[in-house]
PDB file of N, CA and C in Angstrom:
ATOM      1  N   UNK A   1       0.770  -0.954   0.171  1.00  0.00           N
ATOM      2  CA  UNK A   1      -0.330   0.001   0.055  1.00  0.00           C
ATOM      3  C   UNK A   1       0.904   1.157   0.136  1.00  0.00           C
ATOM      4  N   UNK A   2       0.751   2.088  -1.117  1.00  0.00           N
ATOM      5  CA  UNK A   2       1.897   3.205  -1.195  1.00  0.00           C
ATOM      6  C   UNK A   2       1.194   5.060  -0.170  1.00  0.00           C
ATOM      7  N   UNK A   3       1.345   5.370   0.561  1.00  0.00           N
ATOM      8  CA  UNK A   3       1.277   5.924   1.227  1.00  0.00           C
ATOM      9  C   UNK A   3       2.266   8.007   0.886  1.00  0.00           C
ATOM     10  N   UNK A   4       1.613   8.524   0.831  1.00  0.00           N
ATOM     11  CA  UNK A   4       1.915   9.315   0.647  1.00  0.00           C
ATOM     12  C   UNK A   4       1.737  10.139   2.737  1.00  0.00           C
ATOM     13  N   UNK A   5       2.522  11.692   2.457  1.00  0.00           N
ATOM     14  CA  UNK A   5       2.852  11.766   4.079  1.00  0.00           C
ATOM     15  C   UNK A   5       2.086  13.117   3.548  1.00  0.00           C
ATOM     16  N   UNK A   6       1.022  13.621   4.314  1.00  0.00           N
ATOM     17  CA  UNK A   6       0.287  14.830   4.508  1.00  0.00           C
ATOM     18  C   UNK A   6       0.585  16.069   4.600  1.00  0.00           C
ATOM     19  N   UNK A   7       0.646  17.502   4.121  1.00  0.00           N
ATOM     20  CA  UNK A   7       1.540  18.118   3.903  1.00  0.00           C
ATOM     21  C   UNK A   7       1.566  19.160   4.963  1.00  0.00           C
ATOM     22  N   UNK A   8       1.905  19.531   6.339  1.00  0.00           N
ATOM     23  CA  UNK A   8       2.002  19.912   7.258  1.00  0.00           C
ATOM     24  C   UNK A   8       0.810  19.366   8.346  1.00  0.00           C
ATOM     25  N   UNK A   9       1.264  17.913   8.420  1.00  0.00           N
ATOM     26  CA  UNK A   9       0.399  17.174   9.495  1.00  0.00           C
ATOM     27  C   UNK A   9       1.220  15.051   9.592  1.00  0.00           C
ATOM     28  N   UNK A  10       2.820  15.019  11.073  1.00  0.00           N
ATOM     29  CA  UNK A  10       3.591  14.396  10.916  1.00  0.00           C
ATOM     30  C   UNK A  10       2.148  12.598  11.394  1.00  0.00           C
ATOM     31  N   UNK A  11       1.551  12.987  11.428  1.00  0.00           N
ATOM     32  CA  UNK A  11       0.470  11.393  11.585  1.00  0.00           C
ATOM     33  C   UNK A  11      -0.300  11.050  10.983  1.00  0.00           C
ATOM     34  N   UNK A  12      -0.410  11.496  10.119  1.00  0.00           N
ATOM     35  CA  UNK A  12      -1.208  11.436   8.685  1.00  0.00           C
ATOM     36  C   UNK A  12      -0.524  11.644   7.687  1.00  0.00           C
ATOM     37  N   UNK A  13      -1.699  10.323   6.623  1.00  0.00           N
ATOM     38  CA  UNK A  13      -0.432  10.156   5.400  1.00  0.00           C
ATOM     39  C   UNK A  13      -1.495   9.530   4.240  1.00  0.00           C
ATOM     40  N   UNK A  14      -1.821  10.036   3.246  1.00  0.00           N
ATOM     41  CA  UNK A  14      -2.489   9.767   2.675  1.00  0.00           C
ATOM     42  C   UNK A  14      -2.888   8.973   1.970  1.00  0.00           C
ATOM     43  N   UNK A  15      -3.858   7.827   1.960  1.00  0.00           N
ATOM     44  CA  UNK A  15      -3.435   5.978   0.767  1.00  0.00           C
ATOM     45  C   UNK A  15      -3.756   7.230  -1.158  1.00  0.00           C
ATOM     46  N   UNK A  16      -2.340   6.253  -1.608  1.00  0.00           N
ATOM     47  CA  UNK A  16      -2.662   6.385  -3.145  1.00  0.00           C
ATOM     48  C   UNK A  16      -3.824   5.799  -3.971  1.00  0.00           C
ATOM     49  N   UNK A  17      -3.790   4.595  -3.637  1.00  0.00           N
ATOM     50  CA  UNK A  17      -4.805   3.914  -4.358  1.00  0.00           C
ATOM     51  C   UNK A  17      -6.163   4.441  -3.898  1.00  0.00           C
ATOM     52  N   UNK A  18      -6.754   4.359  -2.541  1.00  0.00           N
ATOM     53  CA  UNK A  18      -7.845   4.799  -2.080  1.00  0.00           C
ATOM     54  C   UNK A  18      -8.325   6.965  -1.868  1.00  0.00           C
ATOM     55  N   UNK A  19      -7.054   7.151  -1.708  1.00  0.00           N
ATOM     56  CA  UNK A  19      -7.146   8.429  -1.867  1.00  0.00           C
ATOM     57  C   UNK A  19      -7.903   8.797  -0.083  1.00  0.00           C
ATOM     58  N   UNK A  20      -7.160   7.464   0.503  1.00  0.00           N
ATOM     59  CA  UNK A  20      -8.113   8.022   1.522  1.00  0.00           C
ATOM     60  C   UNK A  20      -6.955   9.047   2.379  1.00  0.00           C
ATOM     61  N   UNK A  21      -7.768  10.172   3.659  1.00  0.00           N
ATOM     62  CA  UNK A  21      -6.143   9.936   4.627  1.00  0.00           C
ATOM     63  C   UNK A  21      -6.326   8.975   5.985  1.00  0.00           C
ATOM     64  N   UNK A  22      -5.161   8.977   6.327  1.00  0.00           N
ATOM     65  CA  UNK A  22      -5.441   7.488   7.725  1.00  0.00           C
ATOM     66  C   UNK A  22      -4.452   8.124   8.475  1.00  0.00           C
ATOM     67  N   UNK A  23      -4.449   7.683   9.748  1.00  0.00           N
ATOM     68  CA  UNK A  23      -3.986   8.198  11.135  1.00  0.00           C
ATOM     69  C   UNK A  23      -2.470   7.201  11.565  1.00  0.00           C
ATOM     70  N   UNK A  24      -1.490   7.740  11.416  1.00  0.00           N
ATOM     71  CA  UNK A  24      -1.270   6.836  11.908  1.00  0.00           C
ATOM     72  C   UNK A  24      -0.047   6.605  13.401  1.00  0.00           C
ATOM     73  N   UNK A  25      -1.080   7.412  14.059  1.00  0.00           N
ATOM     74  CA  UNK A  25      -1.066   7.555  15.480  1.00  0.00           C
ATOM     75  C   UNK A  25      -2.049   7.007  16.527  1.00  0.00           C
ATOM     76  N   UNK A  26      -1.447   5.735  16.625  1.00  0.00           N
ATOM     77  CA  UNK A  26      -2.413   4.803  17.984  1.00  0.00           C
ATOM     78  C   UNK A  26      -2.607   5.733  18.846  1.00  0.00           C
ATOM     79  N   UNK A  27      -2.012   6.244  19.372  1.00  0.00           N
ATOM     80  CA  UNK A  27      -1.730   7.054  20.225  1.00  0.00           C
ATOM     81  C   UNK A  27      -3.480   8.203  20.515  1.00  0.00           C
ATOM     82  N   UNK A  28      -3.128   9.130  19.155  1.00  0.00           N
ATOM     83  CA  UNK A  28      -3.753   9.565  18.973  1.00  0.00           C
ATOM     84  C   UNK A  28      -5.299   8.654  18.558  1.00  0.00           C
ATOM     85  N   UNK A  29      -5.627   8.058  17.647  1.00  0.00           N
ATOM     86  CA  UNK A  29      -6.677   7.858  17.814  1.00  0.00           C
ATOM     87  C   UNK A  29      -7.365   6.444  18.623  1.00  0.00           C
ATOM     88  N   UNK A  30      -6.631   5.928  20.138  1.00  0.00           N
ATOM     89  CA  UNK A  30      -7.295   5.883  21.182  1.00  0.00           C
ATOM     90  C   UNK A  30      -7.501   6.578  21.820  1.00  0.00           C
ATOM     91  N   UNK A  31      -7.078   8.326  21.462  1.00  0.00           N
ATOM     92  CA  UNK A  31      -7.936   9.160  22.295  1.00  0.00           C
ATOM     93  C   UNK A  31      -9.222   9.522  21.781  1.00  0.00           C
ATOM     94  N   UNK A  32      -8.919   9.679  20.721  1.00  0.00           N
ATOM     95  CA  UNK A  32     -10.651  10.103  19.843  1.00  0.00           C
ATOM     96  C   UNK A  32     -11.219   8.464  20.585  1.00  0.00           C
ATOM     97  N   UNK A  33     -11.025   8.364  19.881  1.00  0.00           N
ATOM     98  CA  UNK A  33     -12.106   6.404  20.365  1.00  0.00           C
ATOM     99  C   UNK A  33     -12.982   6.639  21.826  1.00  0.00           C
ATOM    100  N   UNK A  34     -11.900   7.300  22.744  1.00  0.00           N
ATOM    101  CA  UNK A  34     -12.125   7.599  23.702  1.00  0.00           C
ATOM    102  C   UNK A  34     -13.144   8.521  24.542  1.00  0.00           C
ATOM    103  N   UNK A  35     -12.665   9.836  23.474  1.00  0.00           N
ATOM    104  CA  UNK A  35     -13.862  11.091  23.610  1.00  0.00           C
ATOM    105  C   UNK A  35     -15.422  10.446  22.642  1.00  0.00           C
ATOM    106  N   UNK A  36     -14.869  10.352  21.996  1.00  0.00           N
ATOM    107  CA  UNK A  36     -16.409   9.399  20.912  1.00  0.00           C
ATOM    108  C   UNK A  36     -17.443   8.397  21.789  1.00  0.00           C
ATOM    109  N   UNK A  37     -16.456   7.527  22.704  1.00  0.00           N
ATOM    110  CA  UNK A  37     -16.956   6.531  23.673  1.00  0.00           C
ATOM    111  C   UNK A  37     -18.180   7.789  24.782  1.00  0.00           C
ATOM    112  N   UNK A  38     -17.170   8.113  25.382  1.00  0.00           N
ATOM    113  CA  UNK A  38     -17.568   9.029  25.991  1.00  0.00           C
ATOM    114  C   UNK A  38     -18.556   9.943  25.913  1.00  0.00           C
ATOM    115  N   UNK A  39     -18.312  10.621  24.033  1.00  0.00           N
ATOM    116  CA  UNK A  39     -19.671  11.034  24.075  1.00  0.00           C
ATOM    117  C   UNK A  39     -21.346  10.755  23.716  1.00  0.00           C
ATOM    118  N   UNK A  40     -20.702   9.938  23.381  1.00  0.00           N
ATOM    119  CA  UNK A  40     -21.748   8.083  23.556  1.00  0.00           C
ATOM    120  C   UNK A  40     -22.995   7.945  24.452  1.00  0.00           C
ATOM    121  N   UNK A  41     -21.535   8.421  25.712  1.00  0.00           N
ATOM    122  CA  UNK A  41     -22.514   7.881  26.710  1.00  0.00           C
ATOM    123  C   UNK A  41     -23.619   8.873  27.289  1.00  0.00           C
ATOM    124  N   UNK A  42     -23.736   9.913  27.164  1.00  0.00           N
ATOM    125  CA  UNK A  42     -23.216  11.248  27.246  1.00  0.00           C
ATOM    126  C   UNK A  42     -24.725  11.058  26.999  1.00  0.00           C
ATOM    127  N   UNK A  43     -24.843  11.411  25.100  1.00  0.00           N
ATOM    128  CA  UNK A  43     -25.811  10.930  24.133  1.00  0.00           C
ATOM    129  C   UNK A  43     -26.555  10.411  24.747  1.00  0.00           C
ATOM    130  N   UNK A  44     -26.105   9.450  25.558  1.00  0.00           N
ATOM    131  CA  UNK A  44     -27.455   8.494  25.861  1.00  0.00           C
ATOM    132  C   UNK A  44     -27.517   8.274  27.156  1.00  0.00           C
ATOM    133  N   UNK A  45     -27.267   9.384  27.988  1.00  0.00           N
ATOM    134  CA  UNK A  45     -28.132  10.170  29.170  1.00  0.00           C
ATOM    135  C   UNK A  45     -29.392  10.914  29.261  1.00  0.00           C
ATOM    136  N   UNK A  46     -28.867  11.679  27.817  1.00  0.00           N
ATOM    137  CA  UNK A  46     -29.696  12.950  27.377  1.00  0.00           C
ATOM    138  C   UNK A  46     -30.717  12.178  26.904  1.00  0.00           C
ATOM    139  N   UNK A  47     -30.863  11.476  25.351  1.00  0.00           N
ATOM    140  CA  UNK A  47     -31.943  11.118  25.271  1.00  0.00           C
ATOM    141  C   UNK A  47     -32.576   9.708  26.462  1.00  0.00           C
ATOM    142  N   UNK A  48     -31.923   9.631  27.459  1.00  0.00           N
ATOM    143  CA  UNK A  48     -32.713   8.465  28.987  1.00  0.00           C
ATOM    144  C   UNK A  48     -33.409   9.939  29.607  1.00  0.00           C
ATOM    145  N   UNK A  49     -33.587  10.885  29.942  1.00  0.00           N
ATOM    146  CA  UNK A  49     -33.522  12.048  30.199  1.00  0.00           C
ATOM    147  C   UNK A  49     -34.356  12.741  29.258  1.00  0.00           C
ATOM    148  N   UNK A  50     -34.933  13.082  28.665  1.00  0.00           N
ATOM    149  CA  UNK A  50     -35.221  13.659  27.346  1.00  0.00           C
ATOM    150  C   UNK A  50     -36.592  12.427  27.408  1.00  0.00           C
ATOM    151  N   UNK A  51     -36.620  10.873  27.577  1.00  0.00           N
ATOM    152  CA  UNK A  51     -37.981   9.691  26.849  1.00  0.00           C
ATOM    153  C   UNK A  51     -38.901  10.207  28.491  1.00  0.00           C
ATOM    154  N   UNK A  52     -37.841  10.350  30.084  1.00  0.00           N
ATOM    155  CA  UNK A  52     -38.063  10.642  31.126  1.00  0.00           C
ATOM    156  C   UNK A  52     -39.338  11.589  31.438  1.00  0.00           C
ATOM    157  N   UNK A  53     -38.531  12.442  30.960  1.00  0.00           N
ATOM    158  CA  UNK A  53     -39.632  13.855  31.122  1.00  0.00           C
ATOM    159  C   UNK A  53     -40.910  13.544  29.416  1.00  0.00           C
ATOM    160  N   UNK A  54     -40.503  13.058  29.277  1.00  0.00           N
ATOM    161  CA  UNK A  54     -42.088  13.043  28.282  1.00  0.00           C
ATOM    162  C   UNK A  54     -42.757  12.246  28.583  1.00  0.00           C
ATOM    163  N   UNK A  55     -42.133  11.180  29.536  1.00  0.00           N
ATOM    164  CA  UNK A  55     -43.102  10.607  30.049  1.00  0.00           C
ATOM    165  C   UNK A  55     -44.222  11.152  31.131  1.00  0.00           C
ATOM    166  N   UNK A  56     -43.138  11.683  32.146  1.00  0.00           N
ATOM    167  CA  UNK A  56     -43.588  12.435  33.292  1.00  0.00           C
ATOM    168  C   UNK A  56     -44.402  13.806  32.549  1.00  0.00           C
ATOM    169  N   UNK A  57     -44.455  14.267  31.800  1.00  0.00           N
ATOM    170  CA  UNK A  57     -44.904  15.006  31.133  1.00  0.00           C
ATOM    171  C   UNK A  57     -46.555  14.991  30.907  1.00  0.00           C
ATOM    172  N   UNK A  58     -46.412  13.269  30.134  1.00  0.00           N
ATOM    173  CA  UNK A  58     -47.670  12.789  29.717  1.00  0.00           C
ATOM    174  C   UNK A  58     -48.635  12.385  30.548  1.00  0.00           C
ATOM    175  N   UNK A  59     -48.328  11.542  31.761  1.00  0.00           N
ATOM    176  CA  UNK A  59     -48.831  11.544  33.136  1.00  0.00           C
ATOM    177  C   UNK A  59     -49.089  12.457  34.179  1.00  0.00           C
ATOM    178  N   UNK A  60     -48.717  13.851  33.598  1.00  0.00           N
ATOM    179  CA  UNK A  60     -48.702  15.160  34.147  1.00  0.00           C
ATOM    180  C   UNK A  60     -50.583  15.595  33.317  1.00  0.00           C
ATOM    181  N   UNK A  61     -50.908  15.282  31.887  1.00  0.00           N
ATOM    182  CA  UNK A  61     -51.431  14.770  31.243  1.00  0.00           C
ATOM    183  C   UNK A  61     -52.924  14.572  31.922  1.00  0.00           C
ATOM    184  N   UNK A  62     -52.410  13.019  32.313  1.00  0.00           N
ATOM    185  CA  UNK A  62     -53.449  12.502  32.486  1.00  0.00           C
ATOM    186  C   UNK A  62     -54.067  13.156  33.577  1.00  0.00           C
ATOM    187  N   UNK A  63     -53.374  13.334  34.418  1.00  0.00           N
ATOM    188  CA  UNK A  63     -53.378  14.007  35.923  1.00  0.00           C
ATOM    189  C   UNK A  63     -54.070  14.940  35.654  1.00  0.00           C
ATOM    190  N   UNK A  64     -54.382  16.311  34.646  1.00  0.00           N
ATOM    191  CA  UNK A  64     -54.588  17.355  34.802  1.00  0.00           C
ATOM    192  C   UNK A  64     -56.598  16.674  33.857  1.00  0.00           C
ATOM    193  N   UNK A  65     -56.059  15.211  33.341  1.00  0.00           N
ATOM    194  CA  UNK A  65     -57.586  15.535  32.453  1.00  0.00           C
ATOM    195  C   UNK A  65     -58.063  14.955  34.469  1.00  0.00           C
ATOM    196  N   UNK A  66     -57.782  14.322  34.686  1.00  0.00           N
ATOM    197  CA  UNK A  66     -58.799  12.877  35.597  1.00  0.00           C
ATOM    198  C   UNK A  66     -59.224  14.184  36.168  1.00  0.00           C
ATOM    199  N   UNK A  67     -58.551  15.232  36.714  1.00  0.00           N
ATOM    200  CA  UNK A  67     -58.939  16.445  37.812  1.00  0.00           C
ATOM    201  C   UNK A  67     -60.000  17.223  37.310  1.00  0.00           C
ATOM    202  N   UNK A  68     -60.093  17.648  35.650  1.00  0.00           N
ATOM    203  CA  UNK A  68     -61.076  18.993  35.268  1.00  0.00           C
ATOM    204  C   UNK A  68     -62.466  17.680  35.198  1.00  0.00           C
ATOM    205  N   UNK A  69     -62.527  16.367  35.299  1.00  0.00           N
ATOM    206  CA  UNK A  69     -63.462  15.318  35.357  1.00  0.00           C
ATOM    207  C   UNK A  69     -64.366  15.630  36.288  1.00  0.00           C
ATOM    208  N   UNK A  70     -63.491  15.096  37.266  1.00  0.00           N
ATOM    209  CA  UNK A  70     -63.446  15.693  38.937  1.00  0.00           C
ATOM    210  C   UNK A  70     -64.008  16.952  39.656  1.00  0.00           C
ATOM    211  N   UNK A  71     -63.212  17.941  38.626  1.00  0.00           N
ATOM    212  CA  UNK A  71     -64.130  19.005  39.399  1.00  0.00           C
ATOM    213  C   UNK A  71     -65.173  19.841  38.606  1.00  0.00           C
ATOM    214  N   UNK A  72     -65.343  18.563  37.033  1.00  0.00           N
ATOM    215  CA  UNK A  72     -67.241  19.379  36.267  1.00  0.00           C
ATOM    216  C   UNK A  72     -68.340  17.925  36.865  1.00  0.00           C
ATOM    217  N   UNK A  73     -67.973  17.192  37.551  1.00  0.00           N
ATOM    218  CA  UNK A  73     -69.417  16.010  38.007  1.00  0.00           C
ATOM    219  C   UNK A  73     -69.394  17.190  38.968  1.00  0.00           C
TER     220      UNK A  73
END
C-alpha cells in the first residue's frame, strides 16, 4: 500500500490507491475513540432524560384531565 505524507501533519498519510487519509498515531486514535465513547454515553444519558421528561409530561396531562373531570361533576 503506497502512502504519501500529508503536508503539515506529522501523523497523517494519504493512501494513494483509495485516496483516504489515515492516522498513523495509535495514541491519537485511542484518545479519539475514548472521547467518542464518552460523547456517546453522554448522548445516551440525555436521550434517557428526554424520554423520562416526556413520560412525566404525559402523566401530568392525564392527571390534569382526571382532575378536570372530577371538578366538572
